C-alpha atoms as a PDB file:
ATOM      1  CA  MET A   1      -4.106 -40.375 -12.878  1.00  0.00           C
ATOM      2  CA  SER A   2      -0.481 -39.682 -11.954  1.00  0.00           C
ATOM      3  CA  VAL A   3      -0.832 -36.129 -13.278  1.00  0.00           C
ATOM      4  CA  ILE A   4      -4.039 -35.659 -11.285  1.00  0.00           C
ATOM      5  CA  GLY A   5      -2.326 -37.095  -8.213  1.00  0.00           C
ATOM      6  CA  LEU A   6       0.590 -34.691  -8.669  1.00  0.00           C
ATOM      7  CA  LEU A   7      -1.730 -31.694  -8.997  1.00  0.00           C
ATOM      8  CA  ILE A   8      -3.722 -32.658  -5.890  1.00  0.00           C
ATOM      9  CA  SER A   9      -0.569 -33.382  -3.869  1.00  0.00           C
ATOM     10  CA  PHE A  10       0.984 -30.114  -5.013  1.00  0.00           C
ATOM     11  CA  ALA A  11      -2.121 -28.131  -4.033  1.00  0.00           C
ATOM     12  CA  LEU A  12      -2.226 -29.778  -0.601  1.00  0.00           C
ATOM     13  CA  LEU A  13       1.481 -29.073  -0.098  1.00  0.00           C
ATOM     14  CA  LEU A  14       0.893 -25.403  -0.919  1.00  0.00           C
ATOM     15  CA  VAL A  15      -1.852 -25.231   1.688  1.00  0.00           C
ATOM     16  CA  SER A  16       0.354 -26.879   4.317  1.00  0.00           C
ATOM     17  CA  VAL A  17       3.456 -24.735   3.781  1.00  0.00           C
ATOM     18  CA  SER A  18       1.287 -21.594   3.705  1.00  0.00           C
ATOM     19  CA  VAL A  19      -0.102 -22.467   7.144  1.00  0.00           C
ATOM     20  CA  HIS A  20       3.459 -23.083   8.341  1.00  0.00           C
ATOM     21  CA  GLU A  21       4.932 -19.821   7.058  1.00  0.00           C
ATOM     22  CA  PHE A  22       1.942 -17.719   8.082  1.00  0.00           C
ATOM     23  CA  ALA A  23       2.389 -18.977  11.644  1.00  0.00           C
ATOM     24  CA  HIS A  24       6.040 -17.875  11.676  1.00  0.00           C
ATOM     25  CA  GLY A  25       5.128 -14.423  10.403  1.00  0.00           C
ATOM     26  CA  TRP A  26       2.159 -14.003  12.745  1.00  0.00           C
ATOM     27  CA  VAL A  27       4.113 -14.979  15.876  1.00  0.00           C
ATOM     28  CA  ALA A  28       7.037 -12.750  14.871  1.00  0.00           C
ATOM     29  CA  TYR A  29       4.570  -9.877  14.359  1.00  0.00           C
ATOM     30  CA  LYS A  30       3.034 -10.472  17.779  1.00  0.00           C
ATOM     31  CA  CYS A  31       6.542 -10.457  19.271  1.00  0.00           C
ATOM     32  CA  GLY A  32       7.368  -7.054  17.761  1.00  0.00           C
ATOM     33  CA  ASP A  33       8.787  -7.762  14.272  1.00  0.00           C
ATOM     34  CA  ASN A  34       6.807  -6.214  11.382  1.00  0.00           C
ATOM     35  CA  THR A  35       9.104  -7.568   8.642  1.00  0.00           C
ATOM     36  CA  ALA A  36       6.757 -10.335   7.471  1.00  0.00           C
ATOM     37  CA  LYS A  37       3.780  -7.976   7.434  1.00  0.00           C
ATOM     38  CA  TYR A  38       5.551  -5.338   5.370  1.00  0.00           C
ATOM     39  CA  SER A  39       6.900  -8.046   3.036  1.00  0.00           C
ATOM     40  CA  GLY A  40       3.375  -9.207   2.228  1.00  0.00           C
ATOM     41  CA  ARG A  41       3.955 -12.576   3.892  1.00  0.00           C
ATOM     42  CA  LEU A  42       1.422 -12.276   6.705  1.00  0.00           C
ATOM     43  CA  THR A  43      -1.142 -14.148   4.618  1.00  0.00           C
ATOM     44  CA  LEU A  44      -2.441 -17.658   3.921  1.00  0.00           C
ATOM     45  CA  ASN A  45      -2.351 -16.956   0.172  1.00  0.00           C
ATOM     46  CA  PRO A  46      -0.043 -19.701  -1.214  1.00  0.00           C
ATOM     47  CA  LEU A  47       1.190 -17.422  -4.016  1.00  0.00           C
ATOM     48  CA  ALA A  48       3.001 -15.281  -1.449  1.00  0.00           C
ATOM     49  CA  HIS A  49       4.988 -18.255  -0.152  1.00  0.00           C
ATOM     50  CA  ILE A  50       6.036 -20.065  -3.353  1.00  0.00           C
ATOM     51  CA  ASP A  51       9.738 -20.748  -3.821  1.00  0.00           C
ATOM     52  CA  PRO A  52      10.684 -21.932  -7.348  1.00  0.00           C
ATOM     53  CA  VAL A  53      13.048 -24.651  -6.115  1.00  0.00           C
ATOM     54  CA  GLY A  54      11.533 -25.784  -2.814  1.00  0.00           C
ATOM     55  CA  THR A  55       7.864 -25.461  -3.746  1.00  0.00           C
ATOM     56  CA  ILE A  56       7.902 -26.466  -7.417  1.00  0.00           C
ATOM     57  CA  ILE A  57      11.037 -28.273  -8.612  1.00  0.00           C
ATOM     58  CA  LEU A  58      11.632 -30.379  -5.476  1.00  0.00           C
ATOM     59  CA  PRO A  59       8.042 -31.745  -5.135  1.00  0.00           C
ATOM     60  CA  ILE A  60       7.786 -32.565  -8.843  1.00  0.00           C
ATOM     61  CA  SER A  61      11.184 -34.281  -8.803  1.00  0.00           C
ATOM     62  CA  LEU A  62      10.252 -36.360  -5.734  1.00  0.00           C
ATOM     63  CA  PHE A  63       6.865 -37.258  -7.217  1.00  0.00           C
ATOM     64  CA  ILE A  64       8.507 -38.515 -10.413  1.00  0.00           C
ATOM     65  CA  ALA A  65      11.391 -40.252  -8.620  1.00  0.00           C
ATOM     66  CA  THR A  66       9.060 -42.122  -6.231  1.00  0.00           C
ATOM     67  CA  GLN A  67       6.382 -42.783  -8.881  1.00  0.00           C
ATOM     68  CA  GLY A  68       3.843 -40.748  -6.992  1.00  0.00           C
ATOM     69  CA  ARG A  69       4.383 -42.335  -3.578  1.00  0.00           C
ATOM     70  CA  PHE A  70       5.973 -39.294  -1.928  1.00  0.00           C
ATOM     71  CA  VAL A  71       5.768 -35.530  -2.339  1.00  0.00           C
ATOM     72  CA  PHE A  72       7.591 -33.051  -0.140  1.00  0.00           C
ATOM     73  CA  GLY A  73       8.725 -29.476  -0.469  1.00  0.00           C
ATOM     74  CA  ALA A  74       9.337 -26.170   1.252  1.00  0.00           C
ATOM     75  CA  ALA A  75       8.095 -22.619   0.970  1.00  0.00           C
ATOM     76  CA  LYS A  76      10.073 -19.406   0.734  1.00  0.00           C
ATOM     77  CA  PRO A  77      11.073 -18.677   4.357  1.00  0.00           C
ATOM     78  CA  VAL A  78       9.229 -15.795   5.996  1.00  0.00           C
ATOM     79  CA  PRO A  79      11.716 -12.982   6.726  1.00  0.00           C
ATOM     80  CA  VAL A  80      12.230 -12.403  10.434  1.00  0.00           C
ATOM     81  CA  ASN A  81      14.426  -9.681  11.903  1.00  0.00           C
ATOM     82  CA  PHE A  82      15.296 -11.166  15.278  1.00  0.00           C
ATOM     83  CA  SER A  83      16.781  -7.880  16.484  1.00  0.00           C
ATOM     84  CA  LEU A  84      13.280  -6.359  16.361  1.00  0.00           C
ATOM     85  CA  LEU A  85      11.788  -8.986  18.650  1.00  0.00           C
ATOM     86  CA  ARG A  86      10.983  -7.656  22.117  1.00  0.00           C
ATOM     87  CA  ASN A  87      12.938 -10.475  23.762  1.00  0.00           C
ATOM     88  CA  PRO A  88      15.098 -12.014  21.002  1.00  0.00           C
ATOM     89  CA  LYS A  89      16.487 -14.855  23.114  1.00  0.00           C
ATOM     90  CA  ARG A  90      13.009 -15.995  24.173  1.00  0.00           C
ATOM     91  CA  ASP A  91      11.006 -15.002  21.118  1.00  0.00           C
ATOM     92  CA  ILE A  92      13.247 -16.860  18.662  1.00  0.00           C
ATOM     93  CA  ILE A  93      11.963 -20.036  20.336  1.00  0.00           C
ATOM     94  CA  TRP A  94       8.310 -19.050  19.839  1.00  0.00           C
ATOM     95  CA  VAL A  95       8.897 -18.029  16.231  1.00  0.00           C
ATOM     96  CA  GLY A  96      10.773 -21.269  15.527  1.00  0.00           C
ATOM     97  CA  VAL A  97       8.236 -23.602  17.102  1.00  0.00           C
ATOM     98  CA  SER A  98       5.189 -21.795  15.675  1.00  0.00           C
ATOM     99  CA  GLY A  99       5.470 -23.278  12.168  1.00  0.00           C
ATOM    100  CA  PRO A 100       5.571 -26.941  13.214  1.00  0.00           C
ATOM    101  CA  ALA A 101       2.955 -26.264  15.911  1.00  0.00           C
ATOM    102  CA  ALA A 102       0.609 -24.791  13.289  1.00  0.00           C
ATOM    103  CA  ASN A 103       1.040 -27.898  11.126  1.00  0.00           C
ATOM    104  CA  PHE A 104       0.297 -30.211  14.059  1.00  0.00           C
ATOM    105  CA  ILE A 105      -2.772 -28.186  15.099  1.00  0.00           C
ATOM    106  CA  PHE A 106      -4.017 -28.172  11.500  1.00  0.00           C
ATOM    107  CA  ALA A 107      -3.540 -31.960  11.327  1.00  0.00           C
ATOM    108  CA  VAL A 108      -5.504 -32.438  14.578  1.00  0.00           C
ATOM    109  CA  LEU A 109      -8.408 -30.314  13.304  1.00  0.00           C
ATOM    110  CA  LEU A 110      -8.438 -32.176   9.992  1.00  0.00           C
ATOM    111  CA  SER A 111      -8.414 -35.570  11.733  1.00  0.00           C
ATOM    112  CA  LEU A 112     -11.403 -34.582  13.898  1.00  0.00           C
ATOM    113  CA  LEU A 113     -13.324 -33.337  10.868  1.00  0.00           C
ATOM    114  CA  TRP A 114     -12.481 -36.463   8.854  1.00  0.00           C
ATOM    115  CA  LYS A 115     -14.031 -38.683  11.536  1.00  0.00           C
ATOM    116  CA  VAL A 116     -17.457 -37.054  11.247  1.00  0.00           C
ATOM    117  CA  ILE A 117     -17.859 -36.667   7.467  1.00  0.00           C
ATOM    118  CA  PRO A 118     -19.032 -39.342   4.982  1.00  0.00           C
ATOM    119  CA  ALA A 119     -16.347 -41.775   3.784  1.00  0.00           C
ATOM    120  CA  ILE A 120     -15.866 -40.999   0.079  1.00  0.00           C
ATOM    121  CA  PRO A 121     -12.675 -42.178  -1.715  1.00  0.00           C
ATOM    122  CA  ILE A 122     -11.596 -38.748  -3.004  1.00  0.00           C
ATOM    123  CA  ILE A 123     -12.353 -37.141   0.380  1.00  0.00           C
ATOM    124  CA  ASN A 124     -10.390 -39.883   2.143  1.00  0.00           C
ATOM    125  CA  PHE A 125      -7.429 -39.309  -0.189  1.00  0.00           C
ATOM    126  CA  ILE A 126      -7.437 -35.540   0.351  1.00  0.00           C
ATOM    127  CA  PHE A 127      -7.739 -35.747   4.129  1.00  0.00           C
ATOM    128  CA  TRP A 128      -5.140 -38.504   4.456  1.00  0.00           C
ATOM    129  CA  SER A 129      -2.681 -36.648   2.228  1.00  0.00           C
ATOM    130  CA  LEU A 130      -3.220 -33.309   3.949  1.00  0.00           C
ATOM    131  CA  ILE A 131      -2.906 -34.758   7.453  1.00  0.00           C
ATOM    132  CA  THR A 132       0.211 -36.737   6.525  1.00  0.00           C
ATOM    133  CA  THR A 133       1.827 -33.744   4.804  1.00  0.00           C
ATOM    134  CA  ASN A 134       1.293 -31.522   7.836  1.00  0.00           C
ATOM    135  CA  VAL A 135       2.628 -34.114  10.267  1.00  0.00           C
ATOM    136  CA  VAL A 136       5.721 -34.720   8.125  1.00  0.00           C
ATOM    137  CA  LEU A 137       6.309 -30.960   7.804  1.00  0.00           C
ATOM    138  CA  GLY A 138       5.995 -30.533  11.550  1.00  0.00           C
ATOM    139  CA  VAL A 139       8.344 -33.390  12.425  1.00  0.00           C
ATOM    140  CA  PHE A 140      10.894 -32.544   9.709  1.00  0.00           C
ATOM    141  CA  ASN A 141      11.155 -28.901  10.698  1.00  0.00           C
ATOM    142  CA  LEU A 142      11.735 -29.693  14.363  1.00  0.00           C
ATOM    143  CA  ILE A 143      15.051 -31.355  13.526  1.00  0.00           C
ATOM    144  CA  PRO A 144      17.721 -28.994  14.984  1.00  0.00           C
ATOM    145  CA  ILE A 145      19.782 -28.414  11.854  1.00  0.00           C
ATOM    146  CA  PRO A 146      20.043 -24.803  10.597  1.00  0.00           C
ATOM    147  CA  PRO A 147      17.989 -23.386   9.011  1.00  0.00           C
ATOM    148  CA  LEU A 148      15.205 -25.799  10.072  1.00  0.00           C
ATOM    149  CA  ASP A 149      12.901 -24.539  12.818  1.00  0.00           C
ATOM    150  CA  GLY A 150      14.341 -26.877  15.418  1.00  0.00           C
ATOM    151  CA  SER A 151      17.622 -24.982  15.158  1.00  0.00           C
ATOM    152  CA  ARG A 152      15.843 -21.716  16.091  1.00  0.00           C
ATOM    153  CA  VAL A 153      14.457 -23.369  19.191  1.00  0.00           C
ATOM    154  CA  LEU A 154      17.881 -24.740  20.116  1.00  0.00           C
ATOM    155  CA  MET A 155      19.534 -21.349  19.548  1.00  0.00           C
ATOM    156  CA  GLY A 156      17.111 -19.807  22.011  1.00  0.00           C
ATOM    157  CA  LEU A 157      17.926 -22.440  24.611  1.00  0.00           C
ATOM    158  CA  LEU A 158      21.716 -22.434  24.236  1.00  0.00           C
ATOM    159  CA  PRO A 159      23.980 -19.948  26.053  1.00  0.00           C
ATOM    160  CA  GLN A 160      24.756 -16.912  23.891  1.00  0.00           C
ATOM    161  CA  GLY A 161      28.296 -18.012  23.021  1.00  0.00           C
ATOM    162  CA  LEU A 162      27.286 -21.520  21.974  1.00  0.00           C
ATOM    163  CA  ALA A 163      24.297 -20.179  20.053  1.00  0.00           C
ATOM    164  CA  LYS A 164      26.561 -17.941  17.951  1.00  0.00           C
ATOM    165  CA  LYS A 165      28.898 -20.838  17.147  1.00  0.00           C
ATOM    166  CA  TYR A 166      25.931 -23.070  16.327  1.00  0.00           C
ATOM    167  CA  ALA A 167      24.545 -20.415  13.960  1.00  0.00           C
ATOM    168  CA  LEU A 168      27.756 -20.673  11.906  1.00  0.00           C
ATOM    169  CA  LEU A 169      26.464 -24.017  10.581  1.00  0.00           C
ATOM    170  CA  GLU A 170      23.604 -22.329   8.715  1.00  0.00           C
ATOM    171  CA  PRO A 171      25.441 -21.774   5.382  1.00  0.00           C
ATOM    172  CA  TYR A 172      26.070 -25.523   5.286  1.00  0.00           C
ATOM    173  CA  GLY A 173      22.653 -26.556   6.572  1.00  0.00           C
ATOM    174  CA  PHE A 174      21.160 -27.438   3.203  1.00  0.00           C
ATOM    175  CA  ILE A 175      24.167 -29.632   2.354  1.00  0.00           C
ATOM    176  CA  ILE A 176      23.899 -31.377   5.729  1.00  0.00           C
ATOM    177  CA  VAL A 177      20.164 -31.974   5.252  1.00  0.00           C
ATOM    178  CA  MET A 178      20.633 -33.384   1.745  1.00  0.00           C
ATOM    179  CA  LEU A 179      23.460 -35.632   2.948  1.00  0.00           C
ATOM    180  CA  LEU A 180      21.350 -37.011   5.789  1.00  0.00           C
ATOM    181  CA  ILE A 181      18.448 -37.628   3.410  1.00  0.00           C
ATOM    182  CA  PHE A 182      20.774 -39.403   0.979  1.00  0.00           C
ATOM    183  CA  LEU A 183      22.135 -41.602   3.781  1.00  0.00           C
ATOM    184  CA  GLY A 184      18.611 -42.466   4.890  1.00  0.00           C
ATOM    185  CA  LEU A 185      19.163 -41.093   8.388  1.00  0.00           C
ATOM    186  CA  PHE A 186      16.202 -38.714   8.195  1.00  0.00           C
ATOM    187  CA  ASN A 187      13.855 -41.625   7.514  1.00  0.00           C
ATOM    188  CA  ALA A 188      15.050 -43.229  10.733  1.00  0.00           C
ATOM    189  CA  ILE A 189      13.817 -40.137  12.590  1.00  0.00           C
ATOM    190  CA  ILE A 190      10.891 -38.825  10.579  1.00  0.00           C
ATOM    191  CA  GLU A 191       9.102 -42.061   9.702  1.00  0.00           C
ATOM    192  CA  PRO A 192       8.771 -43.500  13.260  1.00  0.00           C
ATOM    193  CA  ALA A 193       7.725 -40.131  14.725  1.00  0.00           C
ATOM    194  CA  THR A 194       5.252 -39.525  11.900  1.00  0.00           C
ATOM    195  CA  ASN A 195       3.731 -42.990  12.270  1.00  0.00           C
ATOM    196  CA  ILE A 196       3.228 -42.547  16.021  1.00  0.00           C
ATOM    197  CA  ILE A 197       1.509 -39.172  15.569  1.00  0.00           C
ATOM    198  CA  LEU A 198      -0.684 -40.455  12.729  1.00  0.00           C
ATOM    199  CA  ARG A 199      -1.797 -43.452  14.799  1.00  0.00           C
ATOM    200  CA  LEU A 200      -2.814 -41.108  17.615  1.00  0.00           C
ATOM    201  CA  LEU A 201      -4.635 -38.733  15.262  1.00  0.00           C
ATOM    202  CA  LEU A 202      -6.556 -41.476  13.490  1.00  0.00           C
ATOM    203  CA  MET A 203      -7.754 -43.290  16.599  1.00  0.00           C
ATOM    204  CA  PRO A 204     -11.572 -43.608  16.647  1.00  0.00           C
ATOM    205  CA  LEU A 205     -13.474 -41.031  18.674  1.00  0.00           C
END
């Protein structure tokens, strides 16, 4: 059953990160940047978004380490050339927020559908897992640490000089994220926010 659980969780994660990355590419395209389109990333096909480490190794490692209680991962980032955006300072905000927004919208639609379909254990598991995964992805990516999406939003809001200095953190972003996860600080942010959103989504109609 653990293998089946891993396969289902992995498939649902692929769906969620594909929605997330497609949204980034689509918004960037609408704002004037064709990079994602010409890179073959303007698609919901999960195969186009797989990253060997973030999409395969990380989820499997977390699944094994937590004995199947938690699976999380990341897709290969959609390439965005911010210099091609019609209004880079403004559009970087829309591109950054689009991924998390797509996950939240997807979670809302799933929660509405779940409330009107028959309650079957496997269906309940799939819907619960998919909704939770999308909410966690949305909340996690809004944290303003480069290269997470929240940092793109913050860069668009900061004055140009501060934004450039802030962008210098990006090469160290992964280390910072891993350190915060190790210290348990991310749980203090992600878990409460996720629980609040899930309670709202799962309220009876």
